[in-house]
Amino acid sequence: MNTTLTRRRVAAALAAAALSVSLGALAPPASAEEGGSPFGPGCASVPKEGAGSFDGMAADPVATAASNNPALSTLVTAVEKAGLVDTLNNAKDVTVFAPSNDAFAKIPKADLDKVLADKEMLTKILTYHVVDEPVEKADLADGSFKTLQGGTLTTAGSGDAYKVNDTAAIVCGDVHTSNATVHIIDTVLMPK
């Protein structure tokens, strides 16, 4: 339940950001009572209690929930620089494929600094990680989803092992926030 809530919150946040950028409209938060349990090897590092725990994240909208998770600090910085915090926090029933700090660490520092300084490019990349619908574990086996950026991302896998666009592994999926489902991934996705 907490994983689904966190995923929905993050997704909601990213979806809201994309919607705000493309449509200028914001949606109300979704219920935190929906969704499955978190899965994946990265879930073991989530705090057992407090604001950054699954229960804590389930109580907050996605951007706020992400700010309480130390593994997502680089993503939070990027969302702030793109001006997408309110958009994501006000989105409803979105899914966020949230790159972890390790995902951002794969990008050479000079390239990452360049993207963080370019709000338009940063917004395009971040909104590519948000889908304007709930995407639960059951939807990941063979999925294709339109992103807020306008592109499409795909998912494939089984059990607790899923990939996004054949490149990014979901390290902790079905994390739920009050308005989004979040799947934490190990690689930053680039819009196609």
Protein backbone atom coordinates (compact mmCIF):
# COMPACT_ATOMS: atom_id res chain seq x y z
CA MET A 1 0.00 0.00 0.00
CA ASN A 2 2.74 2.47 0.92
CA THR A 3 4.72 1.75 -2.21
CA THR A 4 1.69 2.29 -4.39
CA LEU A 5 0.93 5.54 -2.60
CA THR A 6 4.48 6.79 -3.01
CA ARG A 7 4.55 5.85 -6.66
CA ARG A 8 1.27 7.59 -7.20
CA ARG A 9 2.50 10.70 -5.47
CA VAL A 10 5.69 10.90 -7.47
CA ALA A 11 3.84 10.11 -10.64
CA ALA A 12 1.24 12.66 -9.74
CA ALA A 13 3.92 15.22 -9.19
CA LEU A 14 5.62 14.56 -12.48
CA ALA A 15 2.33 14.34 -14.31
CA ALA A 16 1.19 17.58 -12.77
CA ALA A 17 4.40 19.24 -13.81
CA ALA A 18 3.98 18.07 -17.35
CA LEU A 19 0.34 19.05 -17.41
CA SER A 20 1.11 22.43 -15.96
CA VAL A 21 3.80 23.02 -18.55
CA SER A 22 1.77 21.76 -21.50
CA LEU A 23 -1.78 22.55 -20.47
CA GLY A 24 -1.43 24.98 -17.62
CA ALA A 25 -3.84 22.94 -15.53
CA LEU A 26 -3.40 21.26 -12.17
CA ALA A 27 -5.34 18.33 -10.79
CA PRO A 28 -6.29 17.62 -7.16
CA PRO A 29 -4.42 14.98 -5.13
CA ALA A 30 -5.45 11.34 -5.29
CA SER A 31 -6.23 8.98 -2.46
CA ALA A 32 -3.32 7.34 -0.69
CA GLU A 33 -5.35 4.23 0.04
CA GLU A 34 -4.84 2.52 -3.32
CA GLY A 35 -2.09 0.27 -4.68
CA GLY A 36 0.17 -2.66 -3.88
CA SER A 37 3.19 -3.17 -1.67
CA PRO A 38 6.69 -1.91 -2.47
CA PHE A 39 8.99 -4.38 -4.20
CA GLY A 40 12.60 -4.57 -5.33
CA PRO A 41 16.08 -4.70 -3.81
CA GLY A 42 16.29 -0.93 -3.26
CA CYS A 43 13.32 -0.96 -0.89
CA ALA A 44 15.51 -2.38 1.89
CA SER A 45 17.26 1.00 2.24
CA VAL A 46 14.01 2.91 2.88
CA PRO A 47 13.77 4.04 6.52
CA LYS A 48 11.39 1.95 8.65
CA GLU A 49 9.78 5.00 10.23
CA GLY A 50 9.56 8.74 9.88
CA ALA A 51 8.78 11.04 6.95
CA GLY A 52 11.01 9.07 4.55
CA SER A 53 9.45 5.68 5.39
CA PHE A 54 6.80 4.10 3.18
CA ASP A 55 4.10 5.16 5.66
CA GLY A 56 5.54 8.67 5.86
CA MET A 57 5.74 9.07 2.08
CA ALA A 58 2.17 7.77 1.70
CA ALA A 59 0.93 10.75 3.71
CA ASP A 60 2.55 13.40 1.50
CA PRO A 61 2.20 14.49 -2.13
CA VAL A 62 4.92 13.15 -4.41
CA ALA A 63 7.44 16.01 -4.53
CA THR A 64 7.24 16.44 -0.76
CA ALA A 65 7.52 12.68 -0.22
CA ALA A 66 10.57 12.52 -2.49
CA SER A 67 12.24 15.31 -0.51
CA ASN A 68 12.04 13.08 2.57
CA ASN A 69 13.83 10.19 0.83
CA PRO A 70 17.64 10.61 0.91
CA ALA A 71 18.04 8.38 -2.18
CA LEU A 72 16.12 10.94 -4.27
CA SER A 73 17.91 14.16 -3.27
CA THR A 74 19.34 14.84 -6.75
CA LEU A 75 15.89 14.36 -8.31
CA VAL A 76 14.41 16.75 -5.75
CA THR A 77 17.04 19.37 -6.65
CA ALA A 78 16.21 18.93 -10.35
CA VAL A 79 12.45 19.22 -9.73
CA GLU A 80 13.04 22.42 -7.73
CA LYS A 81 15.28 23.91 -10.45
CA ALA A 82 12.62 23.12 -13.07
CA GLY A 83 9.92 24.76 -10.93
CA LEU A 84 7.83 21.58 -10.90
CA VAL A 85 7.29 21.07 -7.14
CA ASP A 86 3.77 22.54 -7.01
CA THR A 87 2.82 20.92 -10.30
CA LEU A 88 3.78 17.48 -9.05
CA ASN A 89 2.29 17.96 -5.61
CA ASN A 90 -1.04 18.99 -7.17
CA ALA A 91 -1.23 16.23 -9.78
CA LYS A 92 -3.68 13.37 -9.40
CA ASP A 93 -3.19 9.64 -9.95
CA VAL A 94 0.12 9.94 -11.78
CA THR A 95 3.07 7.58 -11.89
CA VAL A 96 6.63 8.81 -11.51
CA PHE A 97 9.60 6.77 -12.66
CA ALA A 98 11.98 8.47 -10.22
CA PRO A 99 15.73 8.30 -10.92
CA SER A 100 17.74 7.64 -7.76
CA ASN A 101 20.90 9.53 -6.83
CA ASP A 102 22.85 6.58 -8.29
CA ALA A 103 21.04 7.12 -11.61
CA PHE A 104 22.12 10.76 -11.74
CA ALA A 105 25.66 9.74 -10.71
CA LYS A 106 25.97 7.83 -14.01
CA ILE A 107 25.81 11.15 -15.88
CA PRO A 108 29.16 12.99 -16.18
CA LYS A 109 29.14 15.97 -13.79
CA ALA A 110 29.69 18.55 -16.55
CA ASP A 111 26.71 17.16 -18.50
CA LEU A 112 24.50 17.03 -15.41
CA ASP A 113 25.42 20.61 -14.45
CA LYS A 114 24.55 21.74 -17.99
CA VAL A 115 21.12 20.09 -17.86
CA LEU A 116 20.40 21.45 -14.36
CA ALA A 117 21.15 24.95 -15.67
CA ASP A 118 18.80 24.60 -18.68
CA LYS A 119 15.23 24.80 -17.34
CA GLU A 120 13.58 23.91 -20.66
CA MET A 121 15.71 20.81 -21.20
CA LEU A 122 15.39 19.81 -17.54
CA THR A 123 11.59 20.12 -17.67
CA LYS A 124 11.47 17.98 -20.84
CA ILE A 125 13.58 15.26 -19.20
CA LEU A 126 11.70 15.29 -15.89
CA THR A 127 8.23 15.23 -17.47
CA TYR A 128 9.35 12.25 -19.58
CA HIS A 129 9.54 10.36 -16.26
CA VAL A 130 5.86 11.03 -15.42
CA VAL A 131 2.84 9.13 -16.71
CA ASP A 132 -0.64 10.62 -16.30
CA GLU A 133 -2.20 7.43 -14.94
CA PRO A 134 -1.55 4.96 -12.13
CA VAL A 135 0.94 2.27 -13.19
CA GLU A 136 1.13 -0.58 -10.70
CA LYS A 137 3.37 -3.64 -10.62
CA ALA A 138 0.74 -5.66 -12.52
CA ASP A 139 0.98 -3.15 -15.40
CA LEU A 140 4.77 -3.39 -15.76
CA ALA A 141 5.17 -6.83 -17.40
CA ASP A 142 4.60 -5.53 -20.92
CA GLY A 143 3.58 -1.88 -20.76
CA SER A 144 3.64 1.15 -23.00
CA PHE A 145 2.77 4.52 -21.47
CA LYS A 146 2.49 8.06 -22.78
CA THR A 147 4.49 10.52 -20.70
CA LEU A 148 3.68 14.09 -19.76
CA GLN A 149 6.51 15.17 -22.05
CA GLY A 150 4.60 13.60 -24.94
CA GLY A 151 6.85 10.64 -25.60
CA THR A 152 6.30 6.99 -24.78
CA LEU A 153 8.13 4.76 -22.35
CA THR A 154 7.93 0.98 -22.17
CA THR A 155 8.21 -1.50 -19.33
CA ALA A 156 8.96 -5.22 -19.31
CA GLY A 157 9.78 -7.91 -16.78
CA SER A 158 8.31 -10.31 -14.25
CA GLY A 159 8.40 -11.16 -10.56
CA ASP A 160 10.24 -8.29 -8.87
CA ALA A 161 12.53 -7.53 -11.85
CA TYR A 162 11.35 -4.87 -14.29
CA LYS A 163 13.06 -2.58 -16.79
CA VAL A 164 11.96 0.73 -18.25
CA ASN A 165 12.92 1.36 -21.90
CA ASP A 166 15.16 -1.75 -21.68
CA THR A 167 17.77 0.35 -19.82
CA ALA A 168 16.58 1.42 -16.37
CA ALA A 169 15.92 -1.18 -13.68
CA ILE A 170 13.17 -0.52 -11.14
CA VAL A 171 15.04 -0.82 -7.83
CA CYS A 172 12.04 -0.07 -5.62
CA GLY A 173 8.60 -0.08 -7.17
CA ASP A 174 5.04 0.53 -6.07
CA VAL A 175 5.99 3.25 -3.61
CA HIS A 176 2.92 5.31 -2.92
CA THR A 177 2.44 8.93 -2.03
CA SER A 178 -0.87 10.68 -1.43
CA ASN A 179 -1.21 11.49 -5.13
CA ALA A 180 1.17 9.24 -7.06
CA THR A 181 2.72 5.85 -7.59
CA VAL A 182 6.51 5.94 -7.66
CA HIS A 183 8.93 3.48 -9.22
CA ILE A 184 12.51 4.31 -8.26
CA ILE A 185 14.85 3.55 -11.18
CA ASP A 186 18.63 3.24 -11.51
CA THR A 187 19.08 5.19 -14.77
CA VAL A 188 17.85 8.61 -15.96
CA LEU A 189 15.55 8.19 -18.96
CA MET A 190 16.07 10.42 -21.99
CA PRO A 191 13.10 11.55 -24.08
CA LYS A 192 12.92 9.98 -27.54
